[in-house]
Amino acid sequence: MLFHPTFDDSRDGSASENRDLSESFYKTLFKRLCESFDYSTQALLSECILGIAPSPLGENTLFIVAPSLEVLEKLIARSDRIQNEVSRRLPGIKQTAICVQPPDAVGDRVPEAFPPQFPPQFMLGKIFRHSAEDELVN
Protein backbone atom coordinates (compact mmCIF):
# COMPACT_ATOMS: atom_id res chain seq x y z
CA MET A 1 0.00 0.00 0.00
CA LEU A 2 1.33 3.40 -0.98
CA PHE A 3 0.11 6.84 -0.17
CA HIS A 4 0.58 10.30 -1.57
CA PRO A 5 0.21 13.38 0.63
CA THR A 6 -1.64 15.99 -1.38
CA PHE A 7 -0.58 19.22 0.22
CA ASP A 8 2.54 21.33 0.53
CA ASP A 9 3.70 21.14 4.12
CA SER A 10 6.82 23.25 3.75
CA ARG A 11 5.56 26.45 5.45
CA ASP A 12 7.29 26.04 8.82
CA GLY A 13 10.63 24.44 9.55
CA SER A 14 12.47 22.19 7.22
CA ALA A 15 10.46 20.91 4.28
CA SER A 16 12.17 17.55 4.68
CA GLU A 17 11.22 17.26 8.37
CA ASN A 18 7.61 18.23 7.64
CA ARG A 19 7.45 15.80 4.75
CA ASP A 20 8.79 13.02 6.97
CA LEU A 21 6.23 13.83 9.65
CA SER A 22 3.39 13.88 7.10
CA GLU A 23 4.58 10.63 5.59
CA SER A 24 4.68 8.95 9.00
CA PHE A 25 1.23 10.29 9.87
CA TYR A 26 -0.39 9.09 6.64
CA LYS A 27 1.31 5.69 6.79
CA THR A 28 -0.06 5.16 10.29
CA LEU A 29 -3.50 6.52 9.37
CA PHE A 30 -3.88 4.26 6.33
CA LYS A 31 -2.39 1.27 8.15
CA ARG A 32 -4.93 1.60 10.97
CA LEU A 33 -7.78 2.04 8.51
CA CYS A 34 -6.75 -1.08 6.59
CA GLU A 35 -6.33 -3.10 9.79
CA SER A 36 -9.98 -2.44 10.64
CA PHE A 37 -11.11 -4.69 7.76
CA ASP A 38 -11.24 -8.46 7.42
CA TYR A 39 -8.15 -10.19 6.05
CA SER A 40 -9.40 -10.51 2.46
CA THR A 41 -10.19 -6.79 2.26
CA GLN A 42 -6.83 -5.99 3.88
CA ALA A 43 -5.13 -8.08 1.17
CA LEU A 44 -6.95 -6.16 -1.57
CA LEU A 45 -6.12 -2.79 -0.01
CA SER A 46 -2.46 -3.75 0.37
CA GLU A 47 -2.24 -3.80 -3.44
CA CYS A 48 -3.71 -0.30 -3.75
CA ILE A 49 -2.45 3.26 -3.57
CA LEU A 50 -4.31 5.37 -1.00
CA GLY A 51 -4.40 9.12 -0.84
CA ILE A 52 -6.51 12.05 0.27
CA ALA A 53 -7.31 14.98 -1.99
CA PRO A 54 -9.95 17.70 -2.10
CA SER A 55 -12.83 17.46 -4.55
CA PRO A 56 -13.53 20.42 -6.86
CA LEU A 57 -15.87 21.66 -4.09
CA GLY A 58 -13.08 21.41 -1.49
CA GLU A 59 -14.42 18.30 0.26
CA ASN A 60 -11.80 15.76 1.31
CA THR A 61 -11.94 12.53 -0.68
CA LEU A 62 -10.18 9.27 0.11
CA PHE A 63 -8.85 7.78 -3.13
CA ILE A 64 -8.26 4.05 -3.34
CA VAL A 65 -6.50 3.32 -6.63
CA ALA A 66 -6.58 -0.38 -7.48
CA PRO A 67 -3.89 -2.03 -9.63
CA SER A 68 -6.38 -3.91 -11.81
CA LEU A 69 -10.01 -4.05 -12.87
CA GLU A 70 -10.42 -7.30 -10.89
CA VAL A 71 -9.32 -5.63 -7.62
CA LEU A 72 -11.51 -2.62 -8.43
CA GLU A 73 -14.61 -4.81 -8.81
CA LYS A 74 -13.90 -6.66 -5.55
CA LEU A 75 -13.48 -3.39 -3.66
CA ILE A 76 -16.65 -1.88 -5.14
CA ALA A 77 -18.53 -5.00 -4.00
CA ARG A 78 -17.34 -4.13 -0.46
CA SER A 79 -18.01 -0.40 -0.79
CA ASP A 80 -20.64 -0.25 1.99
CA ARG A 81 -18.19 -1.65 4.54
CA ILE A 82 -15.40 0.58 3.22
CA GLN A 83 -17.58 3.71 3.46
CA ASN A 84 -18.66 2.84 7.00
CA GLU A 85 -15.08 2.35 8.21
CA VAL A 86 -13.84 5.50 6.46
CA SER A 87 -16.66 7.53 8.02
CA ARG A 88 -15.95 6.04 11.43
CA ARG A 89 -12.16 6.38 11.39
CA LEU A 90 -11.66 9.45 9.18
CA PRO A 91 -14.52 11.82 10.03
CA GLY A 92 -13.21 14.68 7.85
CA ILE A 93 -13.50 12.58 4.68
CA LYS A 94 -16.76 13.27 2.85
CA GLN A 95 -16.48 10.72 0.05
CA THR A 96 -14.49 7.71 -1.08
CA ALA A 97 -13.35 7.12 -4.65
CA ILE A 98 -12.46 3.57 -5.66
CA CYS A 99 -10.65 3.70 -9.00
CA VAL A 100 -8.35 1.72 -11.23
CA GLN A 101 -5.23 3.20 -12.71
CA PRO A 102 -5.22 2.86 -16.48
CA PRO A 103 -2.32 1.07 -18.15
CA ASP A 104 0.63 3.18 -19.22
CA ALA A 105 -0.06 4.81 -22.55
CA VAL A 106 3.35 3.92 -23.92
CA GLY A 107 3.79 0.29 -24.88
CA ASP A 108 0.91 -1.17 -22.87
CA ARG A 109 -2.07 -2.66 -24.56
CA VAL A 110 -5.43 -1.75 -23.14
CA PRO A 111 -7.05 -4.88 -21.65
CA GLU A 112 -10.31 -5.90 -23.26
CA ALA A 113 -11.91 -5.66 -19.82
CA PHE A 114 -11.89 -1.86 -20.13
CA PRO A 115 -15.14 -0.71 -21.70
CA PRO A 116 -14.53 1.03 -25.04
CA GLN A 117 -16.32 4.20 -23.88
CA PHE A 118 -13.53 4.73 -21.30
CA PRO A 119 -10.27 5.41 -23.10
CA PRO A 120 -7.20 4.36 -21.06
CA GLN A 121 -6.10 7.93 -20.34
CA PHE A 122 -9.09 8.32 -17.98
CA MET A 123 -9.46 6.83 -14.51
CA LEU A 124 -12.18 4.20 -14.24
CA GLY A 125 -14.05 3.83 -10.97
CA LYS A 126 -16.80 5.06 -8.73
CA ILE A 127 -17.17 7.80 -6.11
CA PHE A 128 -19.21 7.04 -2.99
CA ARG A 129 -20.52 10.01 -1.04
CA HIS A 130 -20.69 9.35 2.69
CA SER A 131 -24.15 9.80 4.12
CA ALA A 132 -24.97 12.43 6.71
CA GLU A 133 -26.10 9.59 9.03
CA ASP A 134 -22.53 8.23 9.08
CA GLU A 135 -21.26 11.60 10.20
CA LEU A 136 -23.85 11.82 13.00
CA VAL A 137 -22.87 8.39 14.34
CA ASN A 138 -19.30 9.64 14.86
C-alpha atoms as a PDB file:
ATOM      1  CA  MET A   1       0.000   0.000   0.000  1.00  0.00           C
ATOM      2  CA  LEU A   2       1.333   3.397  -0.981  1.00  0.00           C
ATOM      3  CA  PHE A   3       0.114   6.840  -0.171  1.00  0.00           C
ATOM      4  CA  HIS A   4       0.581  10.297  -1.572  1.00  0.00           C
ATOM      5  CA  PRO A   5       0.209  13.383   0.627  1.00  0.00           C
ATOM      6  CA  THR A   6      -1.642  15.988  -1.382  1.00  0.00           C
ATOM      7  CA  PHE A   7      -0.575  19.224   0.222  1.00  0.00           C
ATOM      8  CA  ASP A   8       2.537  21.327   0.528  1.00  0.00           C
ATOM      9  CA  ASP A   9       3.696  21.136   4.115  1.00  0.00           C
ATOM     10  CA  SER A  10       6.823  23.249   3.750  1.00  0.00           C
ATOM     11  CA  ARG A  11       5.565  26.448   5.454  1.00  0.00           C
ATOM     12  CA  ASP A  12       7.290  26.039   8.820  1.00  0.00           C
ATOM     13  CA  GLY A  13      10.631  24.444   9.551  1.00  0.00           C
ATOM     14  CA  SER A  14      12.469  22.192   7.217  1.00  0.00           C
ATOM     15  CA  ALA A  15      10.457  20.908   4.284  1.00  0.00           C
ATOM     16  CA  SER A  16      12.174  17.547   4.685  1.00  0.00           C
ATOM     17  CA  GLU A  17      11.215  17.261   8.368  1.00  0.00           C
ATOM     18  CA  ASN A  18       7.610  18.225   7.644  1.00  0.00           C
ATOM     19  CA  ARG A  19       7.452  15.799   4.746  1.00  0.00           C
ATOM     20  CA  ASP A  20       8.792  13.016   6.973  1.00  0.00           C
ATOM     21  CA  LEU A  21       6.229  13.828   9.646  1.00  0.00           C
ATOM     22  CA  SER A  22       3.393  13.885   7.099  1.00  0.00           C
ATOM     23  CA  GLU A  23       4.584  10.626   5.587  1.00  0.00           C
ATOM     24  CA  SER A  24       4.684   8.955   8.999  1.00  0.00           C
ATOM     25  CA  PHE A  25       1.229  10.291   9.874  1.00  0.00           C
ATOM     26  CA  TYR A  26      -0.388   9.092   6.643  1.00  0.00           C
ATOM     27  CA  LYS A  27       1.312   5.688   6.786  1.00  0.00           C
ATOM     28  CA  THR A  28      -0.064   5.163  10.286  1.00  0.00           C
ATOM     29  CA  LEU A  29      -3.498   6.518   9.371  1.00  0.00           C
ATOM     30  CA  PHE A  30      -3.879   4.260   6.331  1.00  0.00           C
ATOM     31  CA  LYS A  31      -2.392   1.273   8.149  1.00  0.00           C
ATOM     32  CA  ARG A  32      -4.935   1.598  10.969  1.00  0.00           C
ATOM     33  CA  LEU A  33      -7.776   2.042   8.507  1.00  0.00           C
ATOM     34  CA  CYS A  34      -6.753  -1.081   6.590  1.00  0.00           C
ATOM     35  CA  GLU A  35      -6.325  -3.098   9.786  1.00  0.00           C
ATOM     36  CA  SER A  36      -9.981  -2.440  10.640  1.00  0.00           C
ATOM     37  CA  PHE A  37     -11.106  -4.691   7.764  1.00  0.00           C
ATOM     38  CA  ASP A  38     -11.240  -8.464   7.417  1.00  0.00           C
ATOM     39  CA  TYR A  39      -8.147 -10.187   6.045  1.00  0.00           C
ATOM     40  CA  SER A  40      -9.398 -10.510   2.459  1.00  0.00           C
ATOM     41  CA  THR A  41     -10.185  -6.786   2.255  1.00  0.00           C
ATOM     42  CA  GLN A  42      -6.828  -5.993   3.878  1.00  0.00           C
ATOM     43  CA  ALA A  43      -5.132  -8.084   1.169  1.00  0.00           C
ATOM     44  CA  LEU A  44      -6.954  -6.156  -1.565  1.00  0.00           C
ATOM     45  CA  LEU A  45      -6.124  -2.786  -0.008  1.00  0.00           C
ATOM     46  CA  SER A  46      -2.464  -3.746   0.367  1.00  0.00           C
ATOM     47  CA  GLU A  47      -2.239  -3.799  -3.438  1.00  0.00           C
ATOM     48  CA  CYS A  48      -3.707  -0.297  -3.753  1.00  0.00           C
ATOM     49  CA  ILE A  49      -2.455   3.264  -3.571  1.00  0.00           C
ATOM     50  CA  LEU A  50      -4.308   5.365  -1.003  1.00  0.00           C
ATOM     51  CA  GLY A  51      -4.401   9.121  -0.844  1.00  0.00           C
ATOM     52  CA  ILE A  52      -6.510  12.046   0.266  1.00  0.00           C
ATOM     53  CA  ALA A  53      -7.305  14.985  -1.990  1.00  0.00           C
ATOM     54  CA  PRO A  54      -9.948  17.699  -2.096  1.00  0.00           C
ATOM     55  CA  SER A  55     -12.826  17.460  -4.549  1.00  0.00           C
ATOM     56  CA  PRO A  56     -13.530  20.422  -6.864  1.00  0.00           C
ATOM     57  CA  LEU A  57     -15.866  21.660  -4.092  1.00  0.00           C
ATOM     58  CA  GLY A  58     -13.080  21.405  -1.494  1.00  0.00           C
ATOM     59  CA  GLU A  59     -14.420  18.297   0.262  1.00  0.00           C
ATOM     60  CA  ASN A  60     -11.804  15.756   1.313  1.00  0.00           C
ATOM     61  CA  THR A  61     -11.940  12.532  -0.675  1.00  0.00           C
ATOM     62  CA  LEU A  62     -10.182   9.269   0.106  1.00  0.00           C
ATOM     63  CA  PHE A  63      -8.847   7.782  -3.125  1.00  0.00           C
ATOM     64  CA  ILE A  64      -8.256   4.051  -3.336  1.00  0.00           C
ATOM     65  CA  VAL A  65      -6.497   3.322  -6.627  1.00  0.00           C
ATOM     66  CA  ALA A  66      -6.578  -0.380  -7.477  1.00  0.00           C
ATOM     67  CA  PRO A  67      -3.887  -2.026  -9.630  1.00  0.00           C
ATOM     68  CA  SER A  68      -6.380  -3.910 -11.810  1.00  0.00           C
ATOM     69  CA  LEU A  69     -10.007  -4.049 -12.867  1.00  0.00           C
ATOM     70  CA  GLU A  70     -10.415  -7.298 -10.893  1.00  0.00           C
ATOM     71  CA  VAL A  71      -9.322  -5.632  -7.625  1.00  0.00           C
ATOM     72  CA  LEU A  72     -11.515  -2.616  -8.429  1.00  0.00           C
ATOM     73  CA  GLU A  73     -14.606  -4.811  -8.806  1.00  0.00           C
ATOM     74  CA  LYS A  74     -13.901  -6.665  -5.549  1.00  0.00           C
ATOM     75  CA  LEU A  75     -13.476  -3.385  -3.661  1.00  0.00           C
ATOM     76  CA  ILE A  76     -16.650  -1.883  -5.140  1.00  0.00           C
ATOM     77  CA  ALA A  77     -18.531  -4.998  -3.999  1.00  0.00           C
ATOM     78  CA  ARG A  78     -17.336  -4.127  -0.458  1.00  0.00           C
ATOM     79  CA  SER A  79     -18.010  -0.401  -0.785  1.00  0.00           C
ATOM     80  CA  ASP A  80     -20.642  -0.248   1.989  1.00  0.00           C
ATOM     81  CA  ARG A  81     -18.193  -1.648   4.538  1.00  0.00           C
ATOM     82  CA  ILE A  82     -15.395   0.579   3.225  1.00  0.00           C
ATOM     83  CA  GLN A  83     -17.576   3.708   3.460  1.00  0.00           C
ATOM     84  CA  ASN A  84     -18.655   2.839   6.999  1.00  0.00           C
ATOM     85  CA  GLU A  85     -15.079   2.352   8.208  1.00  0.00           C
ATOM     86  CA  VAL A  86     -13.838   5.497   6.464  1.00  0.00           C
ATOM     87  CA  SER A  87     -16.664   7.530   8.017  1.00  0.00           C
ATOM     88  CA  ARG A  88     -15.954   6.038  11.433  1.00  0.00           C
ATOM     89  CA  ARG A  89     -12.162   6.375  11.392  1.00  0.00           C
ATOM     90  CA  LEU A  90     -11.662   9.450   9.180  1.00  0.00           C
ATOM     91  CA  PRO A  91     -14.516  11.822  10.028  1.00  0.00           C
ATOM     92  CA  GLY A  92     -13.208  14.679   7.846  1.00  0.00           C
ATOM     93  CA  ILE A  93     -13.497  12.576   4.684  1.00  0.00           C
ATOM     94  CA  LYS A  94     -16.761  13.271   2.852  1.00  0.00           C
ATOM     95  CA  GLN A  95     -16.481  10.719   0.051  1.00  0.00           C
ATOM     96  CA  THR A  96     -14.487   7.710  -1.078  1.00  0.00           C
ATOM     97  CA  ALA A  97     -13.353   7.122  -4.649  1.00  0.00           C
ATOM     98  CA  ILE A  98     -12.463   3.574  -5.662  1.00  0.00           C
ATOM     99  CA  CYS A  99     -10.647   3.702  -8.997  1.00  0.00           C
ATOM    100  CA  VAL A 100      -8.351   1.721 -11.231  1.00  0.00           C
ATOM    101  CA  GLN A 101      -5.226   3.198 -12.707  1.00  0.00           C
ATOM    102  CA  PRO A 102      -5.224   2.861 -16.483  1.00  0.00           C
ATOM    103  CA  PRO A 103      -2.321   1.067 -18.151  1.00  0.00           C
ATOM    104  CA  ASP A 104       0.632   3.180 -19.224  1.00  0.00           C
ATOM    105  CA  ALA A 105      -0.064   4.808 -22.550  1.00  0.00           C
ATOM    106  CA  VAL A 106       3.348   3.916 -23.924  1.00  0.00           C
ATOM    107  CA  GLY A 107       3.792   0.290 -24.878  1.00  0.00           C
ATOM    108  CA  ASP A 108       0.915  -1.168 -22.868  1.00  0.00           C
ATOM    109  CA  ARG A 109      -2.068  -2.657 -24.557  1.00  0.00           C
ATOM    110  CA  VAL A 110      -5.434  -1.752 -23.141  1.00  0.00           C
ATOM    111  CA  PRO A 111      -7.046  -4.876 -21.646  1.00  0.00           C
ATOM    112  CA  GLU A 112     -10.312  -5.897 -23.259  1.00  0.00           C
ATOM    113  CA  ALA A 113     -11.915  -5.656 -19.816  1.00  0.00           C
ATOM    114  CA  PHE A 114     -11.890  -1.860 -20.131  1.00  0.00           C
ATOM    115  CA  PRO A 115     -15.137  -0.705 -21.703  1.00  0.00           C
ATOM    116  CA  PRO A 116     -14.534   1.034 -25.038  1.00  0.00           C
ATOM    117  CA  GLN A 117     -16.317   4.199 -23.882  1.00  0.00           C
ATOM    118  CA  PHE A 118     -13.531   4.725 -21.298  1.00  0.00           C
ATOM    119  CA  PRO A 119     -10.268   5.407 -23.103  1.00  0.00           C
ATOM    120  CA  PRO A 120      -7.201   4.362 -21.059  1.00  0.00           C
ATOM    121  CA  GLN A 121      -6.095   7.928 -20.336  1.00  0.00           C
ATOM    122  CA  PHE A 122      -9.086   8.317 -17.983  1.00  0.00           C
ATOM    123  CA  MET A 123      -9.456   6.832 -14.515  1.00  0.00           C
ATOM    124  CA  LEU A 124     -12.178   4.201 -14.241  1.00  0.00           C
ATOM    125  CA  GLY A 125     -14.052   3.829 -10.973  1.00  0.00           C
ATOM    126  CA  LYS A 126     -16.797   5.061  -8.732  1.00  0.00           C
ATOM    127  CA  ILE A 127     -17.171   7.799  -6.109  1.00  0.00           C
ATOM    128  CA  PHE A 128     -19.206   7.039  -2.994  1.00  0.00           C
ATOM    129  CA  ARG A 129     -20.517  10.013  -1.039  1.00  0.00           C
ATOM    130  CA  HIS A 130     -20.692   9.350   2.691  1.00  0.00           C
ATOM    131  CA  SER A 131     -24.153   9.795   4.119  1.00  0.00           C
ATOM    132  CA  ALA A 132     -24.968  12.435   6.712  1.00  0.00           C
ATOM    133  CA  GLU A 133     -26.100   9.587   9.025  1.00  0.00           C
ATOM    134  CA  ASP A 134     -22.534   8.225   9.078  1.00  0.00           C
ATOM    135  CA  GLU A 135     -21.261  11.600  10.203  1.00  0.00           C
ATOM    136  CA  LEU A 136     -23.851  11.818  12.998  1.00  0.00           C
ATOM    137  CA  VAL A 137     -22.866   8.386  14.338  1.00  0.00           C
ATOM    138  CA  ASN A 138     -19.304   9.636  14.864  1.00  0.00           C
END
